[in-house]
C-alpha atoms as a PDB file:
ATOM      1  CA  MET A   1     104.939  88.219 140.912  1.00  0.00           C
ATOM      2  CA  ALA A   2     103.132  90.979 142.757  1.00  0.00           C
ATOM      3  CA  ARG A   3     100.053  92.455 141.139  1.00  0.00           C
ATOM      4  CA  THR A   4     100.075  95.839 142.795  1.00  0.00           C
ATOM      5  CA  ALA A   5      98.833  97.874 139.837  1.00  0.00           C
ATOM      6  CA  GLY A   6      96.041  96.988 137.441  1.00  0.00           C
ATOM      7  CA  ASP A   7      97.909  98.791 134.654  1.00  0.00           C
ATOM      8  CA  THR A   8     100.211  95.846 133.979  1.00  0.00           C
ATOM      9  CA  LEU A   9      97.278  93.487 133.403  1.00  0.00           C
ATOM     10  CA  ASP A  10      95.690  95.958 130.972  1.00  0.00           C
ATOM     11  CA  VAL A  11      98.966  96.341 129.074  1.00  0.00           C
ATOM     12  CA  PHE A  12      99.411  92.585 128.771  1.00  0.00           C
ATOM     13  CA  THR A  13      95.838  92.049 127.599  1.00  0.00           C
ATOM     14  CA  MET A  14      96.258  94.864 125.054  1.00  0.00           C
ATOM     15  CA  ILE A  15      99.467  93.250 123.768  1.00  0.00           C
ATOM     16  CA  ASP A  16      97.658  89.896 123.516  1.00  0.00           C
ATOM     17  CA  ILE A  17      94.766  91.427 121.566  1.00  0.00           C
ATOM     18  CA  PHE A  18      97.197  93.348 119.340  1.00  0.00           C
ATOM     19  CA  LYS A  19      99.127  90.123 118.661  1.00  0.00           C
ATOM     20  CA  TYR A  20      95.940  88.291 117.673  1.00  0.00           C
ATOM     21  CA  VAL A  21      94.898  91.191 115.403  1.00  0.00           C
ATOM     22  CA  ILE A  22      98.301  91.207 113.678  1.00  0.00           C
ATOM     23  CA  TYR A  23      98.205  87.423 113.186  1.00  0.00           C
ATOM     24  CA  GLY A  24      94.648  87.645 111.842  1.00  0.00           C
ATOM     25  CA  ILE A  25      95.559  90.333 109.303  1.00  0.00           C
ATOM     26  CA  ALA A  26      98.670  88.405 108.230  1.00  0.00           C
ATOM     27  CA  ALA A  27      96.661  85.192 107.773  1.00  0.00           C
ATOM     28  CA  ALA A  28      93.973  87.063 105.806  1.00  0.00           C
ATOM     29  CA  PHE A  29      96.569  88.570 103.451  1.00  0.00           C
ATOM     30  CA  PHE A  30      98.247  85.146 103.098  1.00  0.00           C
ATOM     31  CA  VAL A  31      94.976  83.467 102.090  1.00  0.00           C
ATOM     32  CA  TYR A  32      94.105  86.403  99.800  1.00  0.00           C
ATOM     33  CA  GLY A  33      97.496  86.143  98.061  1.00  0.00           C
ATOM     34  CA  ILE A  34      97.088  82.385  97.571  1.00  0.00           C
ATOM     35  CA  LEU A  35      93.599  82.907  96.107  1.00  0.00           C
ATOM     36  CA  LEU A  36      94.905  85.571  93.704  1.00  0.00           C
ATOM     37  CA  MET A  37      97.801  83.318  92.668  1.00  0.00           C
ATOM     38  CA  VAL A  38      95.503  80.329  92.052  1.00  0.00           C
ATOM     39  CA  GLU A  39      93.027  82.492  90.143  1.00  0.00           C
ATOM     40  CA  GLY A  40      95.781  83.920  87.947  1.00  0.00           C
ATOM     41  CA  PHE A  41      97.170  80.432  87.387  1.00  0.00           C
ATOM     42  CA  PHE A  42      93.812  79.051  86.253  1.00  0.00           C
ATOM     43  CA  THR A  43      92.844  81.999  84.042  1.00  0.00           C
ATOM     44  CA  THR A  44      96.066  81.963  81.989  1.00  0.00           C
END
């Protein structure tokens, strides 16, 4: 693996950050959906 250009490192770090952001949003929506489901279950 030859690191001739610094562009590749930037691209990989951007992909890593993007992946963490996507996982964070998915986890937040998952927890939010579970909270809404539990709240609806207890209020009925």
